[in-house]
Amino acid sequence: MQSRYTGIIMPLGRLMAAIQDKVVSLDRAGAMIAERKVVSLAGSHSVNSPMALIRAAIRAGAGGLSIIPPVTTSIAADMLIAAGCVDTFYLCYIGFETLGFAPAFRAAAEAGTINVIEGDEPFVMLGTRAAAGGYPFIPVNKGVYEGTDLPRLNPMLKKVTDPFSGEEVYAIPALKADVCILHAQAADQQGNAQFWGGNNQELDKAMAADYVVVSTERLVSVDATRRDVDRVSLPGHMVDAVVQVPYGAHPTASPQFYGTDEAHLKTYFEAVHGGRTDEYLDRFVRNPAAHQDYLNEVDLGALFELQKNA
């Protein structure tokens, strides 16, 4: 297994790719995602979830997906499950906090309509890091899993012998993705992306995927990212496509732009929990022909109010 980035000297092909204009439409990005099967989601629970990309992928007919989430996730993964796009889900935590368990995930898991790979934070984070570095696995002290049910529930966790100490350890396998989708606060046309308030998983997530799509609140010039290079979390040579989508993380938060739309999360939760999944998906995902139509359906006035909580 190879990493996307294997050294300090960038190969000529990657160098040429780094200086290309990578801006695409939201519809094109959705089709790119739908063409792939193992999808890694960046973001953290209700912050920086790439929701516009997810809605576009659903409209593009995504299906049979394996989802590698961030260590905590909410509507991003649950919406894909609700839309019938998911075959396998790598579980760490998925839920809506005060509202309750993630309704689509819970229903699918109980019905056995999706394959659930039981995991935890080390499994997701270190599995992603292994794939990012080109390692087949990362070992952890056996005490991490001894006394838990995870080795029994997750056949991907293997007990192996440390060749140096002779001690038994658990091996967490590389979790490699076909595509990683992320939401940034600013990016330029060459893909250099800035995450203001990210969880520092963005680079590992991107390096662990064959293809990377970034949505961004603001498309800025290359000169602007060069002047503020310390805030570039993801360099352009790691990115394959960029989409400018204001409010692209809605209903989750985009730090310094807008806060979490708790009212909309409740609308989604109550619709799915109440058996009105298609009603929600038709109104907010399938029928809006463009992102602007989605924003109009949500209510622009309510969106402006969210800016006070950015």
Foldseek 3Di string as FASTA:
>chain_A
DAWPDADDDDPPVLVVLLPDQFADALLVLLLVVLVFAEEEWFFAAQEFTQQSSQLSVLQNPAAQHEYQYQLEYECNVLLCLLSHRYAEYEDAYYQDVVVTRSQSVVVCVVVVRHHYAYDHNCLSLQLLLCLLNVHQWDWDAQVVPPPHCNVVRHVQWDWDADPPPRDITITRGHRAGQEYETEAAEAESSGQGFADPGPLCVSSRLRRHPAYEYEYQYYDHPVVCVVVVVRRSHRSSSHNHYYYDRCSSPCGHRPLAFHHPPVVSVVQRCCSNVVNSVVVCCQQRNPQPGSVSNCVSVPVVVRVVRNVVD
